[in-house]
C-alpha atoms as a PDB file:
ATOM      1  CA  UNK A   1     -24.264 -56.188 -35.904  1.00  0.00           C
ATOM      2  CA  UNK A   2     -24.921 -53.605 -38.531  1.00  0.00           C
ATOM      3  CA  UNK A   3     -25.889 -50.057 -39.234  1.00  0.00           C
ATOM      4  CA  UNK A   4     -29.435 -49.050 -38.338  1.00  0.00           C
ATOM      5  CA  UNK A   5     -31.486 -45.938 -38.947  1.00  0.00           C
ATOM      6  CA  UNK A   6     -31.620 -43.823 -35.789  1.00  0.00           C
ATOM      7  CA  UNK A   7     -34.063 -41.282 -37.220  1.00  0.00           C
ATOM      8  CA  UNK A   8     -35.053 -41.028 -40.887  1.00  0.00           C
ATOM      9  CA  UNK A   9     -36.207 -37.448 -40.362  1.00  0.00           C
ATOM     10  CA  UNK A  10     -32.601 -36.462 -39.574  1.00  0.00           C
ATOM     11  CA  UNK A  11     -31.346 -37.700 -42.979  1.00  0.00           C
ATOM     12  CA  UNK A  12     -30.418 -34.580 -44.969  1.00  0.00           C
ATOM     13  CA  UNK A  13     -29.846 -36.384 -48.278  1.00  0.00           C
ATOM     14  CA  UNK A  14     -26.098 -35.715 -48.473  1.00  0.00           C
ATOM     15  CA  UNK A  15     -25.464 -39.253 -49.848  1.00  0.00           C
ATOM     16  CA  UNK A  16     -22.288 -39.579 -47.775  1.00  0.00           C
ATOM     17  CA  UNK A  17     -23.290 -43.034 -46.543  1.00  0.00           C
ATOM     18  CA  UNK A  18     -23.983 -44.170 -50.103  1.00  0.00           C
ATOM     19  CA  UNK A  19     -20.546 -43.086 -51.338  1.00  0.00           C
ATOM     20  CA  UNK A  20     -18.369 -44.269 -48.412  1.00  0.00           C
ATOM     21  CA  UNK A  21     -19.898 -47.702 -47.788  1.00  0.00           C
ATOM     22  CA  UNK A  22     -17.427 -50.332 -49.020  1.00  0.00           C
ATOM     23  CA  UNK A  23     -20.080 -53.067 -48.943  1.00  0.00           C
ATOM     24  CA  UNK A  24     -22.785 -51.273 -50.979  1.00  0.00           C
ATOM     25  CA  UNK A  25     -25.332 -51.391 -48.154  1.00  0.00           C
ATOM     26  CA  UNK A  26     -27.102 -48.129 -49.040  1.00  0.00           C
ATOM     27  CA  UNK A  27     -29.254 -46.932 -51.907  1.00  0.00           C
ATOM     28  CA  UNK A  28     -30.486 -43.389 -52.447  1.00  0.00           C
ATOM     29  CA  UNK A  29     -34.187 -42.663 -52.844  1.00  0.00           C
ATOM     30  CA  UNK A  30     -34.325 -39.605 -55.109  1.00  0.00           C
ATOM     31  CA  UNK A  31     -38.087 -39.219 -54.654  1.00  0.00           C
ATOM     32  CA  UNK A  32     -37.760 -38.665 -50.903  1.00  0.00           C
ATOM     33  CA  UNK A  33     -34.153 -37.353 -50.956  1.00  0.00           C
ATOM     34  CA  UNK A  34     -33.156 -39.922 -48.309  1.00  0.00           C
ATOM     35  CA  UNK A  35     -30.696 -42.794 -48.136  1.00  0.00           C
ATOM     36  CA  UNK A  36     -32.107 -46.276 -47.682  1.00  0.00           C
ATOM     37  CA  UNK A  37     -30.451 -49.182 -45.887  1.00  0.00           C
ATOM     38  CA  UNK A  38     -31.120 -51.625 -48.695  1.00  0.00           C
ATOM     39  CA  UNK A  39     -28.764 -54.497 -47.801  1.00  0.00           C
ATOM     40  CA  UNK A  40     -28.135 -54.511 -44.027  1.00  0.00           C
ATOM     41  CA  UNK A  41     -26.922 -58.124 -44.217  1.00  0.00           C
ATOM     42  CA  UNK A  42     -23.875 -56.899 -46.181  1.00  0.00           C
ATOM     43  CA  UNK A  43     -22.830 -54.479 -43.421  1.00  0.00           C
ATOM     44  CA  UNK A  44     -19.423 -55.252 -41.938  1.00  0.00           C
ATOM     45  CA  UNK A  45     -19.853 -52.730 -39.082  1.00  0.00           C
ATOM     46  CA  UNK A  46     -16.902 -50.587 -40.185  1.00  0.00           C
ATOM     47  CA  UNK A  47     -18.748 -47.433 -39.061  1.00  0.00           C
ATOM     48  CA  UNK A  48     -17.725 -45.208 -41.987  1.00  0.00           C
ATOM     49  CA  UNK A  49     -21.335 -44.288 -42.732  1.00  0.00           C
ATOM     50  CA  UNK A  50     -22.075 -43.661 -39.063  1.00  0.00           C
ATOM     51  CA  UNK A  51     -19.002 -41.495 -38.520  1.00  0.00           C
ATOM     52  CA  UNK A  52     -19.705 -39.305 -41.535  1.00  0.00           C
ATOM     53  CA  UNK A  53     -23.468 -38.982 -41.206  1.00  0.00           C
ATOM     54  CA  UNK A  54     -23.976 -35.218 -41.217  1.00  0.00           C
ATOM     55  CA  UNK A  55     -27.632 -35.481 -40.230  1.00  0.00           C
ATOM     56  CA  UNK A  56     -26.832 -37.916 -37.395  1.00  0.00           C
ATOM     57  CA  UNK A  57     -29.531 -40.254 -38.675  1.00  0.00           C
ATOM     58  CA  UNK A  58     -27.553 -43.525 -38.427  1.00  0.00           C
ATOM     59  CA  UNK A  59     -26.522 -45.692 -35.500  1.00  0.00           C
ATOM     60  CA  UNK A  60     -24.715 -48.991 -34.993  1.00  0.00           C
ATOM     61  CA  UNK A  61     -26.814 -51.866 -33.705  1.00  0.00           C
ATOM     62  CA  UNK A  62     -24.407 -53.342 -31.180  1.00  0.00           C
ATOM     63  CA  UNK A  63     -23.859 -52.061 -27.678  1.00  0.00           C
ATOM     64  CA  UNK A  64     -20.176 -52.878 -27.169  1.00  0.00           C
ATOM     65  CA  UNK A  65     -18.832 -50.110 -29.377  1.00  0.00           C
ATOM     66  CA  UNK A  66     -21.512 -47.485 -28.887  1.00  0.00           C
ATOM     67  CA  UNK A  67     -19.399 -45.551 -26.376  1.00  0.00           C
ATOM     68  CA  UNK A  68     -16.306 -45.710 -28.578  1.00  0.00           C
ATOM     69  CA  UNK A  69     -18.234 -44.613 -31.680  1.00  0.00           C
ATOM     70  CA  UNK A  70     -19.898 -41.747 -29.835  1.00  0.00           C
ATOM     71  CA  UNK A  71     -16.525 -40.485 -28.605  1.00  0.00           C
ATOM     72  CA  UNK A  72     -14.985 -40.815 -32.071  1.00  0.00           C
ATOM     73  CA  UNK A  73     -17.902 -38.998 -33.695  1.00  0.00           C
ATOM     74  CA  UNK A  74     -17.609 -36.195 -31.154  1.00  0.00           C
ATOM     75  CA  UNK A  75     -13.933 -35.797 -32.070  1.00  0.00           C
ATOM     76  CA  UNK A  76     -14.716 -35.265 -35.775  1.00  0.00           C
ATOM     77  CA  UNK A  77     -15.759 -31.666 -36.485  1.00  0.00           C
ATOM     78  CA  UNK A  78     -18.744 -31.037 -38.737  1.00  0.00           C
ATOM     79  CA  UNK A  79     -16.436 -29.234 -41.177  1.00  0.00           C
ATOM     80  CA  UNK A  80     -14.892 -32.574 -42.222  1.00  0.00           C
ATOM     81  CA  UNK A  81     -16.236 -33.535 -45.639  1.00  0.00           C
ATOM     82  CA  UNK A  82     -15.610 -36.546 -47.879  1.00  0.00           C
ATOM     83  CA  UNK A  83     -13.593 -34.270 -50.194  1.00  0.00           C
ATOM     84  CA  UNK A  84     -11.313 -33.064 -47.387  1.00  0.00           C
ATOM     85  CA  UNK A  85     -10.726 -36.665 -46.267  1.00  0.00           C
ATOM     86  CA  UNK A  86      -9.883 -37.648 -49.854  1.00  0.00           C
ATOM     87  CA  UNK A  87      -7.439 -34.737 -50.191  1.00  0.00           C
ATOM     88  CA  UNK A  88      -5.744 -35.644 -46.915  1.00  0.00           C
ATOM     89  CA  UNK A  89      -5.533 -39.294 -47.936  1.00  0.00           C
ATOM     90  CA  UNK A  90      -3.982 -38.438 -51.295  1.00  0.00           C
ATOM     91  CA  UNK A  91      -1.480 -36.086 -49.649  1.00  0.00           C
ATOM     92  CA  UNK A  92      -0.428 -38.695 -47.060  1.00  0.00           C
ATOM     93  CA  UNK A  93       1.750 -40.917 -49.345  1.00  0.00           C
ATOM     94  CA  UNK A  94       3.761 -37.867 -50.405  1.00  0.00           C
ATOM     95  CA  UNK A  95       4.444 -37.084 -46.767  1.00  0.00           C
ATOM     96  CA  UNK A  96       5.469 -40.680 -46.122  1.00  0.00           C
ATOM     97  CA  UNK A  97       7.816 -40.646 -49.119  1.00  0.00           C
ATOM     98  CA  UNK A  98       9.437 -37.463 -47.820  1.00  0.00           C
ATOM     99  CA  UNK A  99       9.860 -38.986 -44.369  1.00  0.00           C
ATOM    100  CA  UNK A 100      11.365 -42.160 -45.853  1.00  0.00           C
ATOM    101  CA  UNK A 101      13.790 -40.087 -47.934  1.00  0.00           C
ATOM    102  CA  UNK A 102      14.815 -38.074 -44.868  1.00  0.00           C
ATOM    103  CA  UNK A 103      15.306 -41.255 -42.834  1.00  0.00           C
ATOM    104  CA  UNK A 104      17.403 -42.820 -45.605  1.00  0.00           C
ATOM    105  CA  UNK A 105      19.499 -39.658 -45.891  1.00  0.00           C
ATOM    106  CA  UNK A 106      20.176 -39.855 -42.149  1.00  0.00           C
ATOM    107  CA  UNK A 107      21.417 -43.417 -42.608  1.00  0.00           C
ATOM    108  CA  UNK A 108      18.427 -45.019 -40.976  1.00  0.00           C
ATOM    109  CA  UNK A 109      17.289 -48.618 -41.169  1.00  0.00           C
ATOM    110  CA  UNK A 110      18.993 -50.331 -44.094  1.00  0.00           C
ATOM    111  CA  UNK A 111      17.009 -53.569 -43.878  1.00  0.00           C
ATOM    112  CA  UNK A 112      14.265 -52.090 -46.056  1.00  0.00           C
ATOM    113  CA  UNK A 113      11.608 -53.807 -43.976  1.00  0.00           C
ATOM    114  CA  UNK A 114       9.394 -53.065 -41.093  1.00  0.00           C
ATOM    115  CA  UNK A 115      11.319 -52.243 -37.941  1.00  0.00           C
ATOM    116  CA  UNK A 116       8.598 -53.392 -35.564  1.00  0.00           C
ATOM    117  CA  UNK A 117       8.485 -50.054 -33.751  1.00  0.00           C
END
């Protein structure tokens, strides 16, 4: 179970897969301007490379999640970039802190722990 190359000709050389892979599976071939699946045995099948592949050149090698991944990819617009995801991720803790402050001001849960909801 790992990432596989669907079509190398579709790779546009954006290097998204190289930058998002937490397991360092990809390398970038500057001569051909293509990413290379250098260490497929390290792949943990998280799908980050597959979901963000702008050229649609990657696929996941297992059948069970192919329908789920296809639906998830269809839900992500092409305008989503790694930078916009990073900005949204950085902004999220501020939103959570504001929500926690509002909940505390309302006299919410005083246990300080997870409520299980």
